[in-house]
Amino acid sequence: MSLLATLPKIILDTVIGRLIPLFLAAAGGDAAAARDAAIQMLAAYNVETPEELTLAAEIIGLQFQALESLADAAGPDRSLNQTLRLRGSAVSLSRESHKAQRKLDQVQRARRTVPQPAASPAEPPAAQPASGAPEKEALDLVAAAQEAIRIAQKTGGRNWAQNLQKRMMTAQIAENAKQQQAKYAGQNATAPQPAD
């Protein structure tokens, strides 16, 4: 599918306009040749949506900036500090380019996995008789909600987790009381009894 055929012209022209300066030097200042080069670079990414177009343009721009930083770092008149900074910049730009490439791949995979609408039937799908599954599912949800409301009213508005927590806390209090009672009974049994 042609890049020009799938995207609105204004979006395409805006993005290509941002890429043209990257190709102007190699095109000898010929804007038309630079535009053609930008279109060919973008077309290599098989973009079909504006989001894919901007991601592809970002990848291209970051790659060119990384190459430019590396070329500048190789200049003989650079100090060691400048060379290291330019190389670090190139690495960062390259990393961002790879992140944009992964995002583009993800967006394109998602686009390809979305089922394409079939040819329109003679009748719109809403007018066709349904199998009853969506209605049954909706009725089941309503019944479940009604049951949850009934249980909540019966339990004073507590859900099952709150009820479980209350039962566990009550059991723990009872266990603590038994332990205290046994401890107290043990202390009384070992204590000397007063003489009458």
N, C-alpha and C. Protein backbone atom coordinates (compact mmCIF):
# COMPACT_ATOMS: atom_id res chain seq x y z
N MET A 1 0.85 -1.17 0.00
CA MET A 1 0.00 0.00 0.00
C MET A 1 0.90 1.23 0.00
N SER A 2 0.59 2.20 -0.83
CA SER A 2 1.42 3.39 -0.96
C SER A 2 1.27 4.30 0.24
N LEU A 3 2.40 4.84 0.66
CA LEU A 3 2.41 5.76 1.78
C LEU A 3 1.52 6.97 1.48
N LEU A 4 1.60 7.47 0.27
CA LEU A 4 0.82 8.65 -0.10
C LEU A 4 -0.67 8.36 -0.16
N ALA A 5 -1.03 7.11 -0.43
CA ALA A 5 -2.44 6.76 -0.59
C ALA A 5 -3.15 6.56 0.75
N THR A 6 -2.42 6.25 1.80
CA THR A 6 -3.08 5.89 3.05
C THR A 6 -3.15 7.01 4.07
N LEU A 7 -2.36 8.04 3.93
CA LEU A 7 -2.30 9.10 4.95
C LEU A 7 -2.76 10.44 4.39
N PRO A 8 -3.38 11.25 5.24
CA PRO A 8 -3.77 12.59 4.79
C PRO A 8 -2.55 13.40 4.35
N LYS A 9 -2.70 14.15 3.27
CA LYS A 9 -1.59 14.89 2.67
C LYS A 9 -0.98 15.90 3.64
N ILE A 10 -1.80 16.57 4.41
CA ILE A 10 -1.27 17.60 5.32
C ILE A 10 -0.37 16.99 6.39
N ILE A 11 -0.75 15.81 6.90
CA ILE A 11 0.08 15.13 7.91
C ILE A 11 1.38 14.68 7.27
N LEU A 12 1.27 14.07 6.11
CA LEU A 12 2.44 13.59 5.40
C LEU A 12 3.39 14.73 5.07
N ASP A 13 2.87 15.84 4.55
CA ASP A 13 3.72 16.99 4.20
C ASP A 13 4.40 17.58 5.42
N THR A 14 3.70 17.63 6.55
CA THR A 14 4.29 18.18 7.78
C THR A 14 5.46 17.32 8.24
N VAL A 15 5.27 16.02 8.26
CA VAL A 15 6.34 15.13 8.72
C VAL A 15 7.50 15.14 7.74
N ILE A 16 7.21 15.05 6.46
CA ILE A 16 8.29 15.06 5.46
C ILE A 16 9.06 16.38 5.51
N GLY A 17 8.34 17.47 5.74
CA GLY A 17 9.00 18.77 5.86
C GLY A 17 10.03 18.81 6.98
N ARG A 18 9.79 18.05 8.05
CA ARG A 18 10.76 17.99 9.15
C ARG A 18 11.98 17.13 8.81
N LEU A 19 11.79 16.20 7.87
CA LEU A 19 12.90 15.31 7.48
C LEU A 19 13.75 15.85 6.33
N ILE A 20 13.19 16.72 5.51
CA ILE A 20 13.91 17.23 4.34
C ILE A 20 15.28 17.81 4.69
N PRO A 21 15.41 18.61 5.78
CA PRO A 21 16.75 19.16 6.09
C PRO A 21 17.81 18.09 6.31
N LEU A 22 17.42 16.90 6.72
CA LEU A 22 18.40 15.84 6.94
C LEU A 22 19.01 15.35 5.62
N PHE A 23 18.30 15.54 4.51
CA PHE A 23 18.75 15.03 3.22
C PHE A 23 19.26 16.13 2.29
N LEU A 24 19.09 17.39 2.67
CA LEU A 24 19.44 18.50 1.77
C LEU A 24 20.91 18.53 1.39
N ALA A 25 21.80 18.30 2.32
CA ALA A 25 23.23 18.38 2.02
C ALA A 25 23.60 17.33 0.97
N ALA A 26 23.12 16.09 1.18
CA ALA A 26 23.44 15.02 0.23
C ALA A 26 22.75 15.23 -1.10
N ALA A 27 21.62 15.96 -1.10
CA ALA A 27 20.88 16.22 -2.34
C ALA A 27 21.41 17.47 -3.04
N GLY A 28 22.48 18.04 -2.53
CA GLY A 28 23.06 19.23 -3.16
C GLY A 28 22.14 20.44 -3.08
N GLY A 29 21.32 20.50 -2.05
CA GLY A 29 20.40 21.62 -1.88
C GLY A 29 19.10 21.48 -2.66
N ASP A 30 18.91 20.39 -3.37
CA ASP A 30 17.69 20.16 -4.16
C ASP A 30 16.58 19.65 -3.23
N ALA A 31 15.61 20.52 -2.94
CA ALA A 31 14.54 20.17 -2.01
C ALA A 31 13.68 19.02 -2.54
N ALA A 32 13.44 18.97 -3.83
CA ALA A 32 12.62 17.89 -4.40
C ALA A 32 13.30 16.54 -4.22
N ALA A 33 14.60 16.49 -4.44
CA ALA A 33 15.35 15.23 -4.26
C ALA A 33 15.37 14.85 -2.77
N ALA A 34 15.52 15.84 -1.90
CA ALA A 34 15.52 15.57 -0.46
C ALA A 34 14.15 15.05 -0.03
N ARG A 35 13.07 15.62 -0.60
CA ARG A 35 11.72 15.16 -0.29
C ARG A 35 11.53 13.71 -0.73
N ASP A 36 12.00 13.38 -1.93
CA ASP A 36 11.89 12.00 -2.42
C ASP A 36 12.65 11.04 -1.52
N ALA A 37 13.82 11.45 -1.05
CA ALA A 37 14.61 10.59 -0.16
C ALA A 37 13.87 10.38 1.15
N ALA A 38 13.27 11.43 1.69
CA ALA A 38 12.52 11.31 2.94
C ALA A 38 11.33 10.37 2.76
N ILE A 39 10.63 10.49 1.65
CA ILE A 39 9.49 9.60 1.38
C ILE A 39 9.95 8.15 1.28
N GLN A 40 11.07 7.92 0.59
CA GLN A 40 11.58 6.55 0.46
C GLN A 40 11.97 5.97 1.82
N MET A 41 12.59 6.80 2.66
CA MET A 41 12.97 6.33 3.99
C MET A 41 11.71 5.97 4.81
N LEU A 42 10.70 6.83 4.76
CA LEU A 42 9.46 6.57 5.50
C LEU A 42 8.74 5.35 4.96
N ALA A 43 8.73 5.20 3.63
CA ALA A 43 8.03 4.07 3.01
C ALA A 43 8.66 2.74 3.42
N ALA A 44 9.95 2.74 3.74
CA ALA A 44 10.62 1.51 4.15
C ALA A 44 10.06 0.97 5.46
N TYR A 45 9.40 1.82 6.23
CA TYR A 45 8.83 1.39 7.51
C TYR A 45 7.39 0.90 7.38
N ASN A 46 6.83 0.89 6.18
CA ASN A 46 5.48 0.38 5.93
C ASN A 46 4.44 1.02 6.84
N VAL A 47 4.48 2.33 6.94
CA VAL A 47 3.54 3.02 7.82
C VAL A 47 2.19 3.17 7.14
N GLU A 48 1.13 3.07 7.95
CA GLU A 48 -0.22 3.21 7.41
C GLU A 48 -1.09 4.14 8.23
N THR A 49 -0.60 4.57 9.40
CA THR A 49 -1.38 5.47 10.25
C THR A 49 -0.52 6.68 10.62
N PRO A 50 -1.14 7.77 11.03
CA PRO A 50 -0.35 8.93 11.46
C PRO A 50 0.60 8.61 12.62
N GLU A 51 0.18 7.77 13.55
CA GLU A 51 1.05 7.40 14.67
C GLU A 51 2.28 6.66 14.16
N GLU A 52 2.08 5.73 13.25
CA GLU A 52 3.20 4.99 12.68
C GLU A 52 4.12 5.93 11.90
N LEU A 53 3.54 6.89 11.20
CA LEU A 53 4.33 7.86 10.43
C LEU A 53 5.23 8.67 11.35
N THR A 54 4.68 9.18 12.45
CA THR A 54 5.51 9.99 13.35
C THR A 54 6.58 9.15 14.04
N LEU A 55 6.26 7.90 14.37
CA LEU A 55 7.28 7.04 14.96
C LEU A 55 8.40 6.75 13.97
N ALA A 56 8.04 6.49 12.72
CA ALA A 56 9.07 6.24 11.70
C ALA A 56 9.93 7.48 11.49
N ALA A 57 9.31 8.66 11.46
CA ALA A 57 10.07 9.90 11.31
C ALA A 57 10.99 10.11 12.51
N GLU A 58 10.51 9.78 13.70
CA GLU A 58 11.33 9.91 14.91
C GLU A 58 12.55 8.99 14.81
N ILE A 59 12.32 7.77 14.36
CA ILE A 59 13.43 6.81 14.22
C ILE A 59 14.47 7.35 13.26
N ILE A 60 14.02 7.82 12.11
CA ILE A 60 14.93 8.35 11.10
C ILE A 60 15.71 9.54 11.65
N GLY A 61 15.00 10.48 12.25
CA GLY A 61 15.65 11.67 12.79
C GLY A 61 16.67 11.34 13.85
N LEU A 62 16.32 10.43 14.77
CA LEU A 62 17.25 10.05 15.83
C LEU A 62 18.48 9.34 15.26
N GLN A 63 18.27 8.49 14.26
CA GLN A 63 19.40 7.79 13.66
C GLN A 63 20.35 8.77 12.97
N PHE A 64 19.79 9.73 12.26
CA PHE A 64 20.65 10.72 11.59
C PHE A 64 21.40 11.58 12.62
N GLN A 65 20.72 11.96 13.69
CA GLN A 65 21.38 12.77 14.72
C GLN A 65 22.48 11.96 15.41
N ALA A 66 22.26 10.67 15.63
CA ALA A 66 23.29 9.82 16.23
C ALA A 66 24.50 9.73 15.31
N LEU A 67 24.25 9.55 14.02
CA LEU A 67 25.37 9.49 13.06
C LEU A 67 26.13 10.82 13.01
N GLU A 68 25.39 11.92 13.08
CA GLU A 68 26.03 13.23 13.07
C GLU A 68 26.90 13.42 14.32
N SER A 69 26.42 12.98 15.47
CA SER A 69 27.21 13.08 16.71
C SER A 69 28.47 12.24 16.60
N LEU A 70 28.36 11.06 16.02
CA LEU A 70 29.55 10.21 15.86
C LEU A 70 30.55 10.85 14.90
N ALA A 71 30.04 11.43 13.82
CA ALA A 71 30.93 12.10 12.86
C ALA A 71 31.62 13.28 13.52
N ASP A 72 30.89 14.07 14.30
CA ASP A 72 31.48 15.20 15.00
C ASP A 72 32.52 14.74 16.02
N ALA A 73 32.27 13.62 16.67
CA ALA A 73 33.21 13.10 17.67
C ALA A 73 34.53 12.68 17.04
N ALA A 74 34.49 12.33 15.76
CA ALA A 74 35.71 11.90 15.07
C ALA A 74 36.55 13.07 14.58
N GLY A 75 36.05 14.29 14.76
CA GLY A 75 36.81 15.47 14.30
C GLY A 75 38.14 15.61 15.03
N PRO A 76 39.19 15.98 14.31
CA PRO A 76 40.53 16.07 14.90
C PRO A 76 40.68 17.23 15.90
N ASP A 77 39.85 18.24 15.77
CA ASP A 77 40.01 19.42 16.64
C ASP A 77 39.19 19.32 17.93
N ARG A 78 38.69 18.15 18.27
CA ARG A 78 37.88 17.95 19.47
C ARG A 78 38.77 17.56 20.65
N SER A 79 38.42 18.10 21.80
CA SER A 79 39.11 17.67 23.01
C SER A 79 38.58 16.30 23.41
N LEU A 80 39.26 15.65 24.30
CA LEU A 80 38.82 14.34 24.76
C LEU A 80 37.45 14.45 25.41
N ASN A 81 37.24 15.49 26.19
CA ASN A 81 35.95 15.70 26.86
C ASN A 81 34.83 15.88 25.83
N GLN A 82 35.06 16.69 24.80
CA GLN A 82 34.05 16.89 23.75
C GLN A 82 33.76 15.59 23.00
N THR A 83 34.82 14.84 22.71
CA THR A 83 34.66 13.57 22.00
C THR A 83 33.80 12.61 22.81
N LEU A 84 34.09 12.53 24.11
CA LEU A 84 33.32 11.63 24.96
C LEU A 84 31.86 12.06 25.07
N ARG A 85 31.63 13.36 25.18
CA ARG A 85 30.26 13.87 25.23
C ARG A 85 29.50 13.55 23.95
N LEU A 86 30.13 13.77 22.81
CA LEU A 86 29.48 13.50 21.53
C LEU A 86 29.19 12.01 21.37
N ARG A 87 30.12 11.17 21.80
CA ARG A 87 29.88 9.73 21.71
C ARG A 87 28.73 9.32 22.65
N GLY A 88 28.72 9.88 23.84
CA GLY A 88 27.63 9.60 24.77
C GLY A 88 26.29 10.05 24.21
N SER A 89 26.31 11.20 23.55
CA SER A 89 25.08 11.70 22.92
C SER A 89 24.63 10.75 21.82
N ALA A 90 25.59 10.26 21.04
CA ALA A 90 25.25 9.32 19.96
C ALA A 90 24.63 8.05 20.53
N VAL A 91 25.18 7.57 21.63
CA VAL A 91 24.64 6.35 22.25
C VAL A 91 23.22 6.60 22.74
N SER A 92 22.99 7.75 23.39
CA SER A 92 21.65 8.07 23.87
C SER A 92 20.65 8.19 22.73
N LEU A 93 21.06 8.85 21.67
CA LEU A 93 20.18 9.00 20.51
C LEU A 93 19.87 7.64 19.88
N SER A 94 20.88 6.80 19.80
CA SER A 94 20.68 5.46 19.24
C SER A 94 19.72 4.66 20.11
N ARG A 95 19.88 4.77 21.43
CA ARG A 95 18.99 4.05 22.36
C ARG A 95 17.55 4.51 22.16
N GLU A 96 17.35 5.82 22.05
CA GLU A 96 16.00 6.35 21.84
C GLU A 96 15.44 5.89 20.50
N SER A 97 16.29 5.81 19.51
CA SER A 97 15.86 5.32 18.20
C SER A 97 15.37 3.88 18.30
N HIS A 98 16.10 3.06 19.05
CA HIS A 98 15.69 1.66 19.22
C HIS A 98 14.38 1.57 20.00
N LYS A 99 14.18 2.44 20.99
CA LYS A 99 12.92 2.44 21.72
C LYS A 99 11.76 2.81 20.80
N ALA A 100 11.98 3.81 19.95
CA ALA A 100 10.93 4.21 19.00
C ALA A 100 10.65 3.07 18.01
N GLN A 101 11.70 2.33 17.62
CA GLN A 101 11.51 1.20 16.70
C GLN A 101 10.68 0.12 17.37
N ARG A 102 10.94 -0.17 18.64
CA ARG A 102 10.14 -1.17 19.35
C ARG A 102 8.69 -0.73 19.45
N LYS A 103 8.47 0.55 19.72
CA LYS A 103 7.10 1.08 19.81
C LYS A 103 6.40 0.96 18.45
N LEU A 104 7.12 1.30 17.38
CA LEU A 104 6.53 1.18 16.05
C LEU A 104 6.17 -0.28 15.76
N ASP A 105 7.07 -1.19 16.08
CA ASP A 105 6.79 -2.61 15.86
C ASP A 105 5.54 -3.04 16.63
N GLN A 106 5.43 -2.57 17.86
CA GLN A 106 4.28 -2.91 18.71
C GLN A 106 2.99 -2.36 18.11
N VAL A 107 3.01 -1.11 17.66
CA VAL A 107 1.82 -0.49 17.07
C VAL A 107 1.42 -1.22 15.79
N GLN A 108 2.40 -1.57 14.98
CA GLN A 108 2.09 -2.27 13.73
C GLN A 108 1.56 -3.68 13.99
N ARG A 109 2.12 -4.36 14.98
CA ARG A 109 1.59 -5.70 15.33
C ARG A 109 0.15 -5.59 15.78
N ALA A 110 -0.14 -4.59 16.60
CA ALA A 110 -1.50 -4.39 17.08
C ALA A 110 -2.45 -4.10 15.92
N ARG A 111 -2.00 -3.29 14.99
CA ARG A 111 -2.84 -2.98 13.83
C ARG A 111 -3.11 -4.22 13.00
N ARG A 112 -2.11 -5.07 12.85
CA ARG A 112 -2.29 -6.27 12.03
C ARG A 112 -3.19 -7.30 12.70
N THR A 113 -3.21 -7.32 14.03
CA THR A 113 -4.01 -8.33 14.72
C THR A 113 -5.46 -7.91 14.91
N VAL A 114 -5.78 -6.64 14.70
CA VAL A 114 -7.16 -6.19 14.81
C VAL A 114 -7.92 -6.75 13.62
N PRO A 115 -9.01 -7.49 13.87
CA PRO A 115 -9.75 -8.06 12.75
C PRO A 115 -10.33 -6.96 11.86
N GLN A 116 -10.12 -7.13 10.59
CA GLN A 116 -10.64 -6.18 9.62
C GLN A 116 -12.13 -6.43 9.42
N PRO A 117 -12.93 -5.37 9.28
CA PRO A 117 -14.36 -5.58 9.07
C PRO A 117 -14.61 -6.31 7.75
N ALA A 118 -15.51 -7.26 7.82
CA ALA A 118 -15.87 -8.02 6.61
C ALA A 118 -16.72 -7.14 5.70
N ALA A 119 -16.93 -7.62 4.51
CA ALA A 119 -17.78 -6.88 3.58
C ALA A 119 -19.15 -6.72 4.22
N SER A 120 -19.73 -5.54 4.07
CA SER A 120 -20.99 -5.24 4.75
C SER A 120 -22.08 -6.19 4.27
N PRO A 121 -22.79 -6.82 5.21
CA PRO A 121 -23.88 -7.73 4.83
C PRO A 121 -25.08 -6.94 4.33
N ALA A 122 -26.04 -7.67 3.80
CA ALA A 122 -27.23 -7.02 3.27
C ALA A 122 -27.98 -6.29 4.38
N GLU A 123 -27.96 -6.84 5.57
CA GLU A 123 -28.61 -6.23 6.73
C GLU A 123 -27.55 -5.81 7.73
N PRO A 124 -27.73 -4.70 8.41
CA PRO A 124 -26.76 -4.36 9.45
C PRO A 124 -26.79 -5.41 10.56
N PRO A 125 -25.65 -5.66 11.20
CA PRO A 125 -25.59 -6.71 12.21
C PRO A 125 -26.58 -6.51 13.35
N ALA A 126 -26.90 -5.28 13.71
CA ALA A 126 -27.82 -5.03 14.83
C ALA A 126 -29.23 -5.52 14.49
N ALA A 127 -29.59 -5.54 13.21
CA ALA A 127 -30.93 -5.94 12.81
C ALA A 127 -31.06 -7.45 12.71
N GLN A 128 -29.93 -8.16 12.67
CA GLN A 128 -29.98 -9.61 12.56
C GLN A 128 -30.34 -10.20 13.92
N PRO A 129 -31.06 -11.32 13.93
CA PRO A 129 -31.40 -11.93 15.22
C PRO A 129 -30.14 -12.41 15.92
N ALA A 130 -30.04 -12.12 17.20
CA ALA A 130 -28.87 -12.50 17.98
C ALA A 130 -29.03 -13.91 18.48
N SER A 131 -27.92 -14.54 18.81
CA SER A 131 -27.95 -15.92 19.28
C SER A 131 -28.45 -16.01 20.70
N GLY A 132 -28.55 -14.89 21.39
CA GLY A 132 -29.03 -14.90 22.75
C GLY A 132 -27.90 -14.88 23.76
N ALA A 133 -26.67 -15.10 23.34
CA ALA A 133 -25.54 -15.14 24.27
C ALA A 133 -25.32 -13.79 24.96
N PRO A 134 -25.30 -12.67 24.24
CA PRO A 134 -25.09 -11.40 24.94
C PRO A 134 -26.21 -11.08 25.93
N GLU A 135 -27.46 -11.40 25.55
CA GLU A 135 -28.58 -11.14 26.45
C GLU A 135 -28.49 -12.01 27.69
N LYS A 136 -28.13 -13.29 27.52
CA LYS A 136 -27.99 -14.20 28.65
C LYS A 136 -26.88 -13.72 29.58
N GLU A 137 -25.78 -13.28 28.99
CA GLU A 137 -24.66 -12.78 29.80
C GLU A 137 -25.09 -11.55 30.59
N ALA A 138 -25.84 -10.66 29.96
CA ALA A 138 -26.32 -9.46 30.66
C ALA A 138 -27.28 -9.84 31.78
N LEU A 139 -28.18 -10.79 31.51
CA LEU A 139 -29.11 -11.24 32.55
C LEU A 139 -28.37 -11.90 33.71
N ASP A 140 -27.32 -12.67 33.40
CA ASP A 140 -26.52 -13.30 34.45
C ASP A 140 -25.84 -12.24 35.31
N LEU A 141 -25.35 -11.18 34.68
CA LEU A 141 -24.70 -10.10 35.43
C LEU A 141 -25.70 -9.40 36.34
N VAL A 142 -26.90 -9.17 35.82
CA VAL A 142 -27.94 -8.52 36.64
C VAL A 142 -28.29 -9.41 37.83
N ALA A 143 -28.43 -10.72 37.59
CA ALA A 143 -28.76 -11.65 38.67
C ALA A 143 -27.64 -11.68 39.71
N ALA A 144 -26.39 -11.67 39.26
CA ALA A 144 -25.26 -11.67 40.20
C ALA A 144 -25.24 -10.40 41.02
N ALA A 145 -25.55 -9.28 40.39
CA ALA A 145 -25.59 -8.00 41.11
C ALA A 145 -26.71 -8.00 42.14
N GLN A 146 -27.87 -8.54 41.76
CA GLN A 146 -28.99 -8.60 42.70
C GLN A 146 -28.63 -9.49 43.89
N GLU A 147 -27.97 -10.62 43.64
CA GLU A 147 -27.56 -11.52 44.72
C GLU A 147 -26.55 -10.83 45.63
N ALA A 148 -25.61 -10.08 45.05
CA ALA A 148 -24.62 -9.36 45.86
C ALA A 148 -25.31 -8.31 46.73
N ILE A 149 -26.31 -7.64 46.20
CA ILE A 149 -27.06 -6.63 46.98
C ILE A 149 -27.81 -7.31 48.11
N ARG A 150 -28.43 -8.46 47.82
CA ARG A 150 -29.18 -9.19 48.85
C ARG A 150 -28.25 -9.63 49.98
N ILE A 151 -27.09 -10.15 49.63
CA ILE A 151 -26.12 -10.59 50.64
C ILE A 151 -25.61 -9.40 51.44
N ALA A 152 -25.33 -8.31 50.76
CA ALA A 152 -24.84 -7.12 51.45
C ALA A 152 -25.87 -6.60 52.44
N GLN A 153 -27.15 -6.64 52.06
CA GLN A 153 -28.19 -6.19 52.99
C GLN A 153 -28.29 -7.13 54.19
N LYS A 154 -28.13 -8.41 53.95
CA LYS A 154 -28.22 -9.41 55.01
C LYS A 154 -27.05 -9.29 55.98
N THR A 155 -25.87 -8.96 55.46
CA THR A 155 -24.66 -8.92 56.29
C THR A 155 -24.33 -7.51 56.77
N GLY A 156 -25.25 -6.60 56.62
CA GLY A 156 -25.00 -5.25 57.09
C GLY A 156 -24.08 -4.47 56.17
N GLY A 157 -24.03 -4.81 54.91
CA GLY A 157 -23.23 -4.06 53.94
C GLY A 157 -21.80 -4.54 53.82
N ARG A 158 -21.43 -5.61 54.53
CA ARG A 158 -20.06 -6.12 54.45
C ARG A 158 -19.95 -7.11 53.30
N ASN A 159 -18.80 -7.13 52.67
CA ASN A 159 -18.58 -8.11 51.61
C ASN A 159 -17.99 -9.38 52.23
N TRP A 160 -17.74 -10.39 51.42
CA TRP A 160 -17.27 -11.67 51.94
C TRP A 160 -15.93 -11.54 52.63
N ALA A 161 -15.05 -10.67 52.11
CA ALA A 161 -13.73 -10.50 52.71
C ALA A 161 -13.86 -9.86 54.10
N GLN A 162 -14.74 -8.90 54.20
CA GLN A 162 -14.96 -8.26 55.50
C GLN A 162 -15.57 -9.25 56.48
N ASN A 163 -16.50 -10.08 56.00
CA ASN A 163 -17.10 -11.10 56.86
C ASN A 163 -16.05 -12.11 57.31
N LEU A 164 -15.18 -12.54 56.40
CA LEU A 164 -14.11 -13.46 56.75
C LEU A 164 -13.19 -12.85 57.79
N GLN A 165 -12.83 -11.59 57.56
CA GLN A 165 -11.96 -10.90 58.50
C GLN A 165 -12.61 -10.83 59.89
N LYS A 166 -13.90 -10.55 59.93
CA LYS A 166 -14.61 -10.47 61.21
C LYS A 166 -14.62 -11.84 61.90
N ARG A 167 -14.89 -12.92 61.13
CA ARG A 167 -14.89 -14.26 61.71
C ARG A 167 -13.51 -14.63 62.25
N MET A 168 -12.46 -14.29 61.49
CA MET A 168 -11.10 -14.60 61.92
C MET A 168 -10.75 -13.81 63.19
N MET A 169 -11.14 -12.54 63.23
CA MET A 169 -10.86 -11.72 64.40
C MET A 169 -11.61 -12.27 65.62
N THR A 170 -12.86 -12.68 65.43
CA THR A 170 -13.64 -13.25 66.53
C THR A 170 -12.99 -14.54 67.03
N ALA A 171 -12.53 -15.38 66.11
CA ALA A 171 -11.87 -16.63 66.48
C ALA A 171 -10.58 -16.33 67.24
N GLN A 172 -9.82 -15.34 66.81
CA GLN A 172 -8.57 -14.98 67.47
C GLN A 172 -8.85 -14.45 68.88
N ILE A 173 -9.88 -13.64 69.03
CA ILE A 173 -10.24 -13.11 70.37
C ILE A 173 -10.64 -14.27 71.28
N ALA A 174 -11.42 -15.22 70.76
CA ALA A 174 -11.84 -16.37 71.57
C ALA A 174 -10.63 -17.20 71.97
N GLU A 175 -9.70 -17.41 71.04
CA GLU A 175 -8.48 -18.17 71.34
C GLU A 175 -7.65 -17.47 72.41
N ASN A 176 -7.48 -16.16 72.29
CA ASN A 176 -6.74 -15.39 73.29
C ASN A 176 -7.42 -15.49 74.66
N ALA A 177 -8.75 -15.43 74.67
CA ALA A 177 -9.48 -15.52 75.94
C ALA A 177 -9.27 -16.89 76.58
N LYS A 178 -9.28 -17.98 75.77
CA LYS A 178 -9.04 -19.32 76.30
C LYS A 178 -7.64 -19.42 76.89
N GLN A 179 -6.65 -18.86 76.17
CA GLN A 179 -5.28 -18.91 76.65
C GLN A 179 -5.14 -18.15 77.97
N GLN A 180 -5.76 -16.99 78.04
CA GLN A 180 -5.70 -16.19 79.27
C GLN A 180 -6.39 -16.92 80.42
N GLN A 181 -7.51 -17.54 80.10
CA GLN A 181 -8.26 -18.27 81.13
C GLN A 181 -7.43 -19.46 81.63
N ALA A 182 -6.78 -20.19 80.71
CA ALA A 182 -5.95 -21.33 81.10
C ALA A 182 -4.76 -20.86 81.93
N LYS A 183 -4.17 -19.75 81.52
CA LYS A 183 -3.03 -19.19 82.25
C LYS A 183 -3.46 -18.78 83.66
N TYR A 184 -4.59 -18.15 83.77
CA TYR A 184 -5.10 -17.69 85.07
C TYR A 184 -5.44 -18.89 85.96
N ALA A 185 -6.05 -19.92 85.33
CA ALA A 185 -6.40 -21.13 86.09
C ALA A 185 -5.14 -21.83 86.57
N GLY A 186 -4.09 -21.84 85.75
CA GLY A 186 -2.82 -22.47 86.12
C GLY A 186 -2.15 -21.71 87.26
N GLN A 187 -2.24 -20.40 87.24
CA GLN A 187 -1.67 -19.59 88.32
C GLN A 187 -2.40 -19.83 89.63
N ASN A 188 -3.69 -19.94 89.58
CA ASN A 188 -4.48 -20.18 90.79
C ASN A 188 -4.23 -21.56 91.35
N ALA A 189 -3.98 -22.54 90.50
CA ALA A 189 -3.78 -23.92 90.97
C ALA A 189 -2.43 -24.03 91.67
N THR A 190 -1.41 -23.31 91.24
CA THR A 190 -0.09 -23.41 91.83
C THR A 190 0.10 -22.47 93.02
N ALA A 191 -0.76 -21.51 93.16
CA ALA A 191 -0.64 -20.57 94.27
C ALA A 191 -1.02 -21.25 95.58
N PRO A 192 -0.31 -20.94 96.69
CA PRO A 192 -0.66 -21.56 97.98
C PRO A 192 -2.05 -21.11 98.40
N GLN A 193 -2.78 -22.05 98.93
CA GLN A 193 -4.14 -21.76 99.38
C GLN A 193 -4.08 -21.22 100.82
N PRO A 194 -4.84 -20.18 101.13
CA PRO A 194 -4.83 -19.64 102.50
C PRO A 194 -5.44 -20.65 103.47
N ALA A 195 -4.86 -20.69 104.67
CA ALA A 195 -5.36 -21.60 105.71
C ALA A 195 -6.61 -21.04 106.34
N ASP A 196 -7.53 -21.90 106.67
CA ASP A 196 -8.79 -21.46 107.29
C ASP A 196 -8.66 -21.30 108.75
